[in-house]
Structures are given as C-alpha cells and as structure tokens.
Amino acid sequence: MRNFFIKYKFYFIAIPLGALAGFLYWRFIGCSSGTCPITSKWYNSTLYGMIIGALLVNTKRSKKEKITNKKDVQ
C-alpha cells in the first residue's frame, strides 16, 4: 500500500491543487452570465481543474518514462 502512495504521490499533490485552482478561477474570474459551460458552476470549474492537474502530472511522467526507456535500449 505504501508503494502505491509513493508511486502516485505527484497525483495526490496535483489533483487537489488543480481543484483549488479551478475553484479560485470560478470564484474570482468565472462567468457572470451563467452561460459558460465550464465556469458557470463551481463544481464544473473544480472538476476541470482536477483533470488538468492530473494531465499535467501524466505528461511529465510519460516524458520521464520515455527518457528512461531510451537509456535501457542503448
């Protein structure tokens, strides 16, 4: 179980930070008319922030894995 948390520690950091960023975006910038699909409701912005946080970590992980795999092949 501990290995799971160590392996995915960056996800456990990035997803809550993305959620916070999404919520703050809704709170301070958001859509005033209510017609924007992402920023009209707080939970939509928060969810999109969580997804973006996870995708950013995943992008960094896949680049690191590609570099590691190239070293193994040579």
N, C-alpha and C. Protein backbone atom coordinates (compact mmCIF):
# COMPACT_ATOMS: atom_id res chain seq x y z
N MET A 1 0.83 -1.20 0.00
CA MET A 1 0.00 0.00 0.00
C MET A 1 0.87 1.26 0.00
N ARG A 2 1.98 1.21 0.73
CA ARG A 2 2.85 2.36 0.80
C ARG A 2 3.47 2.65 -0.57
N ASN A 3 3.81 1.60 -1.30
CA ASN A 3 4.37 1.79 -2.64
C ASN A 3 3.40 2.51 -3.57
N PHE A 4 2.12 2.25 -3.38
CA PHE A 4 1.09 2.92 -4.19
C PHE A 4 1.15 4.43 -3.97
N PHE A 5 1.23 4.86 -2.71
CA PHE A 5 1.27 6.28 -2.41
C PHE A 5 2.57 6.92 -2.88
N ILE A 6 3.65 6.19 -2.79
CA ILE A 6 4.93 6.72 -3.26
C ILE A 6 4.92 6.86 -4.79
N LYS A 7 4.37 5.85 -5.45
CA LYS A 7 4.35 5.86 -6.91
C LYS A 7 3.49 7.00 -7.46
N TYR A 8 2.38 7.28 -6.82
CA TYR A 8 1.43 8.28 -7.31
C TYR A 8 1.40 9.55 -6.46
N LYS A 9 2.49 9.84 -5.77
CA LYS A 9 2.50 10.99 -4.86
C LYS A 9 2.25 12.32 -5.59
N PHE A 10 2.74 12.44 -6.81
CA PHE A 10 2.54 13.69 -7.53
C PHE A 10 1.07 13.89 -7.91
N TYR A 11 0.35 12.80 -8.15
CA TYR A 11 -1.08 12.91 -8.41
C TYR A 11 -1.81 13.39 -7.17
N PHE A 12 -1.39 12.88 -6.00
CA PHE A 12 -2.04 13.28 -4.75
C PHE A 12 -1.77 14.74 -4.41
N ILE A 13 -0.77 15.31 -5.01
CA ILE A 13 -0.47 16.73 -4.82
C ILE A 13 -1.15 17.57 -5.91
N ALA A 14 -1.04 17.15 -7.16
CA ALA A 14 -1.52 17.95 -8.30
C ALA A 14 -3.03 18.02 -8.40
N ILE A 15 -3.72 16.94 -8.08
CA ILE A 15 -5.18 16.95 -8.23
C ILE A 15 -5.84 17.92 -7.25
N PRO A 16 -5.48 17.90 -5.94
CA PRO A 16 -6.08 18.93 -5.07
C PRO A 16 -5.67 20.35 -5.43
N LEU A 17 -4.43 20.53 -5.89
CA LEU A 17 -4.03 21.87 -6.32
C LEU A 17 -4.81 22.32 -7.55
N GLY A 18 -5.06 21.40 -8.47
CA GLY A 18 -5.87 21.72 -9.64
C GLY A 18 -7.30 22.05 -9.25
N ALA A 19 -7.83 21.31 -8.28
CA ALA A 19 -9.19 21.59 -7.80
C ALA A 19 -9.25 22.98 -7.17
N LEU A 20 -8.25 23.31 -6.38
CA LEU A 20 -8.21 24.64 -5.77
C LEU A 20 -8.10 25.73 -6.83
N ALA A 21 -7.24 25.50 -7.82
CA ALA A 21 -7.09 26.49 -8.89
C ALA A 21 -8.39 26.66 -9.67
N GLY A 22 -9.08 25.55 -9.96
CA GLY A 22 -10.36 25.63 -10.66
C GLY A 22 -11.41 26.38 -9.86
N PHE A 23 -11.46 26.09 -8.56
CA PHE A 23 -12.43 26.78 -7.70
C PHE A 23 -12.11 28.27 -7.63
N LEU A 24 -10.84 28.62 -7.46
CA LEU A 24 -10.47 30.03 -7.40
C LEU A 24 -10.73 30.74 -8.72
N TYR A 25 -10.54 30.04 -9.82
CA TYR A 25 -10.86 30.62 -11.12
C TYR A 25 -12.36 30.94 -11.19
N TRP A 26 -13.19 30.00 -10.75
CA TRP A 26 -14.63 30.24 -10.76
C TRP A 26 -14.99 31.41 -9.85
N ARG A 27 -14.37 31.46 -8.68
CA ARG A 27 -14.70 32.46 -7.68
C ARG A 27 -14.34 33.87 -8.12
N PHE A 28 -13.15 34.03 -8.68
CA PHE A 28 -12.66 35.39 -8.97
C PHE A 28 -12.78 35.80 -10.43
N ILE A 29 -12.79 34.85 -11.35
CA ILE A 29 -12.83 35.21 -12.77
C ILE A 29 -14.14 34.75 -13.40
N GLY A 30 -14.59 33.57 -13.10
CA GLY A 30 -15.79 32.91 -13.60
C GLY A 30 -16.69 33.64 -14.57
N CYS A 31 -17.76 33.03 -14.90
CA CYS A 31 -18.70 33.54 -15.89
C CYS A 31 -19.84 34.28 -15.16
N SER A 32 -20.00 35.53 -15.45
CA SER A 32 -21.03 36.31 -14.76
C SER A 32 -22.43 36.07 -15.33
N SER A 33 -22.52 35.68 -16.60
CA SER A 33 -23.84 35.49 -17.20
C SER A 33 -24.45 34.13 -16.89
N GLY A 34 -23.61 33.16 -16.54
CA GLY A 34 -24.11 31.82 -16.23
C GLY A 34 -24.26 30.94 -17.45
N THR A 35 -23.82 31.40 -18.61
CA THR A 35 -23.98 30.60 -19.83
C THR A 35 -22.70 29.86 -20.23
N CYS A 36 -21.62 30.09 -19.52
CA CYS A 36 -20.36 29.41 -19.84
C CYS A 36 -20.42 27.98 -19.27
N PRO A 37 -20.19 26.96 -20.09
CA PRO A 37 -20.37 25.59 -19.60
C PRO A 37 -19.36 25.17 -18.54
N ILE A 38 -18.15 25.68 -18.59
CA ILE A 38 -17.14 25.24 -17.63
C ILE A 38 -17.17 26.09 -16.37
N THR A 39 -17.26 27.39 -16.51
CA THR A 39 -17.10 28.27 -15.35
C THR A 39 -18.41 28.78 -14.77
N SER A 40 -19.54 28.30 -15.22
CA SER A 40 -20.80 28.81 -14.69
C SER A 40 -21.12 28.22 -13.31
N LYS A 41 -20.66 27.03 -13.03
CA LYS A 41 -20.90 26.39 -11.74
C LYS A 41 -19.56 26.05 -11.10
N TRP A 42 -19.49 26.16 -9.79
CA TRP A 42 -18.22 25.94 -9.09
C TRP A 42 -17.71 24.52 -9.24
N TYR A 43 -18.61 23.55 -9.26
CA TYR A 43 -18.16 22.17 -9.33
C TYR A 43 -17.63 21.80 -10.72
N ASN A 44 -18.12 22.46 -11.77
CA ASN A 44 -17.56 22.24 -13.11
C ASN A 44 -16.12 22.75 -13.18
N SER A 45 -15.90 23.95 -12.69
CA SER A 45 -14.55 24.51 -12.71
C SER A 45 -13.59 23.68 -11.86
N THR A 46 -14.06 23.25 -10.70
CA THR A 46 -13.23 22.44 -9.81
C THR A 46 -12.88 21.11 -10.46
N LEU A 47 -13.84 20.47 -11.09
CA LEU A 47 -13.59 19.19 -11.76
C LEU A 47 -12.60 19.35 -12.91
N TYR A 48 -12.78 20.38 -13.72
CA TYR A 48 -11.84 20.62 -14.82
C TYR A 48 -10.44 20.93 -14.29
N GLY A 49 -10.35 21.64 -13.20
CA GLY A 49 -9.05 21.89 -12.58
C GLY A 49 -8.38 20.61 -12.13
N MET A 50 -9.16 19.70 -11.56
CA MET A 50 -8.62 18.41 -11.14
C MET A 50 -8.10 17.61 -12.34
N ILE A 51 -8.85 17.63 -13.40
CA ILE A 51 -8.45 16.89 -14.61
C ILE A 51 -7.17 17.48 -15.19
N ILE A 52 -7.09 18.80 -15.25
CA ILE A 52 -5.89 19.45 -15.79
C ILE A 52 -4.69 19.14 -14.90
N GLY A 53 -4.86 19.15 -13.59
CA GLY A 53 -3.76 18.80 -12.69
C GLY A 53 -3.26 17.40 -12.93
N ALA A 54 -4.17 16.45 -13.09
CA ALA A 54 -3.78 15.06 -13.36
C ALA A 54 -3.10 14.93 -14.72
N LEU A 55 -3.60 15.63 -15.71
CA LEU A 55 -2.99 15.56 -17.04
C LEU A 55 -1.59 16.15 -17.07
N LEU A 56 -1.37 17.21 -16.32
CA LEU A 56 -0.03 17.79 -16.27
C LEU A 56 0.97 16.83 -15.65
N VAL A 57 0.57 16.16 -14.58
CA VAL A 57 1.46 15.17 -13.96
C VAL A 57 1.70 14.01 -14.91
N ASN A 58 0.66 13.57 -15.58
CA ASN A 58 0.78 12.45 -16.50
C ASN A 58 1.73 12.79 -17.66
N THR A 59 1.69 14.02 -18.13
CA THR A 59 2.57 14.45 -19.20
C THR A 59 4.03 14.41 -18.74
N LYS A 60 4.28 14.89 -17.55
CA LYS A 60 5.64 14.86 -17.01
C LYS A 60 6.11 13.42 -16.81
N ARG A 61 5.22 12.56 -16.32
CA ARG A 61 5.61 11.16 -16.09
C ARG A 61 5.93 10.45 -17.40
N SER A 62 5.14 10.68 -18.43
CA SER A 62 5.37 9.98 -19.69
C SER A 62 6.68 10.44 -20.34
N LYS A 63 7.04 11.72 -20.21
CA LYS A 63 8.31 12.19 -20.74
C LYS A 63 9.46 11.53 -20.00
N LYS A 64 9.35 11.42 -18.68
CA LYS A 64 10.40 10.80 -17.88
C LYS A 64 10.53 9.33 -18.23
N GLU A 65 9.41 8.64 -18.42
CA GLU A 65 9.45 7.23 -18.78
C GLU A 65 10.07 7.01 -20.15
N LYS A 66 9.83 7.90 -21.11
CA LYS A 66 10.43 7.79 -22.43
C LYS A 66 11.94 7.92 -22.35
N ILE A 67 12.41 8.86 -21.55
CA ILE A 67 13.84 9.04 -21.38
C ILE A 67 14.46 7.80 -20.75
N THR A 68 13.79 7.24 -19.74
CA THR A 68 14.29 6.05 -19.06
C THR A 68 14.31 4.86 -20.02
N ASN A 69 13.28 4.73 -20.83
CA ASN A 69 13.22 3.62 -21.77
C ASN A 69 14.30 3.72 -22.84
N LYS A 70 14.62 4.93 -23.28
CA LYS A 70 15.67 5.12 -24.28
C LYS A 70 17.03 4.71 -23.71
N LYS A 71 17.27 5.00 -22.45
CA LYS A 71 18.53 4.64 -21.81
C LYS A 71 18.64 3.11 -21.68
N ASP A 72 17.52 2.45 -21.42
CA ASP A 72 17.52 0.99 -21.27
C ASP A 72 17.83 0.30 -22.58
N VAL A 73 17.37 0.86 -23.70
CA VAL A 73 17.54 0.25 -25.01
C VAL A 73 19.00 0.34 -25.47
N GLN A 74 19.65 1.44 -25.17
CA GLN A 74 21.02 1.65 -25.65
C GLN A 74 22.01 0.86 -24.90
